[in-house]
Amino acid sequence: MIFTVWDYFNVSAIFRSVIRFRVSAEDKRAIENLAVKRGFDNVSGFLRRLALGR
């Protein structure tokens, strides 16, 4: 698990975590193209929706 600066310095805040993973440059382009094709403004929103199954 990777912690953000927010996690370390704001102990009263709700715990936040970041999921990180590596992809090849080719896979990154494919993911970006798919996100745009499905109407997303950014890859983060696309991956969040995909991961949560919504």
N, C-alpha and C. Protein backbone atom coordinates (compact mmCIF):
# COMPACT_ATOMS: atom_id res chain seq x y z
N MET A 1 0.85 -1.17 0.00
CA MET A 1 0.00 0.00 0.00
C MET A 1 0.90 1.24 0.00
N ILE A 2 0.53 2.23 -0.79
CA ILE A 2 1.29 3.47 -0.88
C ILE A 2 0.48 4.56 -0.19
N PHE A 3 1.14 5.30 0.69
CA PHE A 3 0.47 6.38 1.40
C PHE A 3 0.78 7.71 0.75
N THR A 4 -0.18 8.60 0.74
CA THR A 4 0.01 9.93 0.17
C THR A 4 0.45 10.89 1.27
N VAL A 5 0.89 12.06 0.88
CA VAL A 5 1.27 13.10 1.84
C VAL A 5 0.07 13.41 2.73
N TRP A 6 -1.11 13.40 2.14
CA TRP A 6 -2.34 13.66 2.90
C TRP A 6 -2.47 12.68 4.07
N ASP A 7 -2.16 11.42 3.85
CA ASP A 7 -2.26 10.41 4.90
C ASP A 7 -1.32 10.71 6.05
N TYR A 8 -0.12 11.13 5.74
CA TYR A 8 0.88 11.36 6.79
C TYR A 8 0.62 12.61 7.60
N PHE A 9 0.12 13.67 7.00
CA PHE A 9 0.03 14.95 7.68
C PHE A 9 -1.36 15.34 8.14
N ASN A 10 -2.36 14.61 7.78
CA ASN A 10 -3.70 14.95 8.23
C ASN A 10 -4.31 13.72 8.91
N VAL A 11 -3.87 13.42 10.10
CA VAL A 11 -4.28 12.20 10.78
C VAL A 11 -5.76 12.18 11.15
N SER A 12 -6.40 13.34 11.18
CA SER A 12 -7.82 13.36 11.51
C SER A 12 -8.69 13.09 10.29
N ALA A 13 -8.10 13.06 9.11
CA ALA A 13 -8.86 12.84 7.88
C ALA A 13 -9.20 11.37 7.72
N ILE A 14 -10.18 11.10 6.89
CA ILE A 14 -10.52 9.73 6.55
C ILE A 14 -9.33 9.13 5.83
N PHE A 15 -8.99 7.88 6.15
CA PHE A 15 -7.85 7.22 5.53
C PHE A 15 -8.03 7.15 4.02
N ARG A 16 -6.99 7.56 3.30
CA ARG A 16 -7.01 7.51 1.83
C ARG A 16 -5.84 6.66 1.37
N SER A 17 -6.05 5.86 0.36
CA SER A 17 -4.96 5.08 -0.21
C SER A 17 -4.96 5.26 -1.72
N VAL A 18 -3.83 4.97 -2.31
CA VAL A 18 -3.65 5.11 -3.74
C VAL A 18 -3.24 3.75 -4.29
N ILE A 19 -3.87 3.33 -5.35
CA ILE A 19 -3.49 2.09 -6.01
C ILE A 19 -2.63 2.45 -7.20
N ARG A 20 -1.44 1.87 -7.27
CA ARG A 20 -0.54 2.15 -8.38
C ARG A 20 -0.11 0.84 -9.02
N PHE A 21 0.06 0.88 -10.32
CA PHE A 21 0.55 -0.29 -11.03
C PHE A 21 1.26 0.20 -12.29
N ARG A 22 2.05 -0.67 -12.87
CA ARG A 22 2.81 -0.31 -14.07
C ARG A 22 2.22 -0.99 -15.29
N VAL A 23 2.23 -0.24 -16.40
CA VAL A 23 1.82 -0.78 -17.68
C VAL A 23 2.84 -0.35 -18.73
N SER A 24 2.90 -1.08 -19.79
CA SER A 24 3.82 -0.71 -20.88
C SER A 24 3.27 0.54 -21.59
N ALA A 25 4.13 1.19 -22.35
CA ALA A 25 3.71 2.37 -23.11
C ALA A 25 2.59 2.02 -24.08
N GLU A 26 2.68 0.85 -24.67
CA GLU A 26 1.66 0.40 -25.61
C GLU A 26 0.32 0.19 -24.90
N ASP A 27 0.34 -0.45 -23.73
CA ASP A 27 -0.88 -0.67 -22.96
C ASP A 27 -1.46 0.66 -22.49
N LYS A 28 -0.60 1.58 -22.10
CA LYS A 28 -1.06 2.90 -21.65
C LYS A 28 -1.84 3.60 -22.76
N ARG A 29 -1.32 3.58 -23.98
CA ARG A 29 -2.02 4.20 -25.11
C ARG A 29 -3.36 3.51 -25.36
N ALA A 30 -3.38 2.18 -25.25
CA ALA A 30 -4.63 1.45 -25.47
C ALA A 30 -5.67 1.81 -24.40
N ILE A 31 -5.23 1.92 -23.15
CA ILE A 31 -6.15 2.30 -22.06
C ILE A 31 -6.66 3.71 -22.27
N GLU A 32 -5.77 4.64 -22.63
CA GLU A 32 -6.18 6.02 -22.88
C GLU A 32 -7.20 6.09 -24.02
N ASN A 33 -6.94 5.36 -25.10
CA ASN A 33 -7.86 5.37 -26.24
C ASN A 33 -9.22 4.79 -25.86
N LEU A 34 -9.22 3.73 -25.07
CA LEU A 34 -10.47 3.12 -24.64
C LEU A 34 -11.26 4.06 -23.73
N ALA A 35 -10.55 4.78 -22.85
CA ALA A 35 -11.22 5.74 -21.96
C ALA A 35 -11.91 6.83 -22.77
N VAL A 36 -11.21 7.37 -23.75
CA VAL A 36 -11.79 8.41 -24.60
C VAL A 36 -12.96 7.86 -25.39
N LYS A 37 -12.80 6.68 -25.95
CA LYS A 37 -13.85 6.03 -26.74
C LYS A 37 -15.12 5.83 -25.93
N ARG A 38 -14.96 5.57 -24.64
CA ARG A 38 -16.13 5.35 -23.76
C ARG A 38 -16.64 6.63 -23.11
N GLY A 39 -16.08 7.79 -23.53
CA GLY A 39 -16.61 9.07 -23.09
C GLY A 39 -16.02 9.66 -21.82
N PHE A 40 -14.90 9.14 -21.36
CA PHE A 40 -14.28 9.66 -20.14
C PHE A 40 -13.32 10.78 -20.47
N ASP A 41 -13.24 11.77 -19.58
CA ASP A 41 -12.32 12.89 -19.76
C ASP A 41 -10.90 12.54 -19.35
N ASN A 42 -10.76 11.53 -18.48
CA ASN A 42 -9.42 11.15 -18.02
C ASN A 42 -9.38 9.66 -17.71
N VAL A 43 -8.17 9.14 -17.67
CA VAL A 43 -7.98 7.71 -17.44
C VAL A 43 -8.34 7.34 -16.00
N SER A 44 -8.06 8.23 -15.06
CA SER A 44 -8.36 7.93 -13.65
C SER A 44 -9.84 7.62 -13.45
N GLY A 45 -10.69 8.44 -14.01
CA GLY A 45 -12.13 8.20 -13.89
C GLY A 45 -12.55 6.89 -14.53
N PHE A 46 -11.97 6.60 -15.69
CA PHE A 46 -12.26 5.36 -16.39
C PHE A 46 -11.84 4.15 -15.55
N LEU A 47 -10.62 4.16 -15.03
CA LEU A 47 -10.13 3.03 -14.24
C LEU A 47 -10.89 2.89 -12.93
N ARG A 48 -11.27 4.02 -12.33
CA ARG A 48 -12.05 3.97 -11.09
C ARG A 48 -13.39 3.29 -11.34
N ARG A 49 -14.07 3.69 -12.40
CA ARG A 49 -15.37 3.10 -12.75
C ARG A 49 -15.20 1.62 -13.05
N LEU A 50 -14.18 1.28 -13.80
CA LEU A 50 -13.91 -0.12 -14.16
C LEU A 50 -13.62 -0.96 -12.92
N ALA A 51 -12.79 -0.44 -12.03
CA ALA A 51 -12.41 -1.18 -10.82
C ALA A 51 -13.59 -1.39 -9.88
N LEU A 52 -14.48 -0.42 -9.82
CA LEU A 52 -15.62 -0.53 -8.91
C LEU A 52 -16.81 -1.25 -9.53
N GLY A 53 -16.70 -1.59 -10.80
CA GLY A 53 -17.75 -2.36 -11.46
C GLY A 53 -19.05 -1.60 -11.65
N ARG A 54 -18.96 -0.31 -11.80
CA ARG A 54 -20.17 0.51 -11.98
C ARG A 54 -20.48 0.74 -13.43
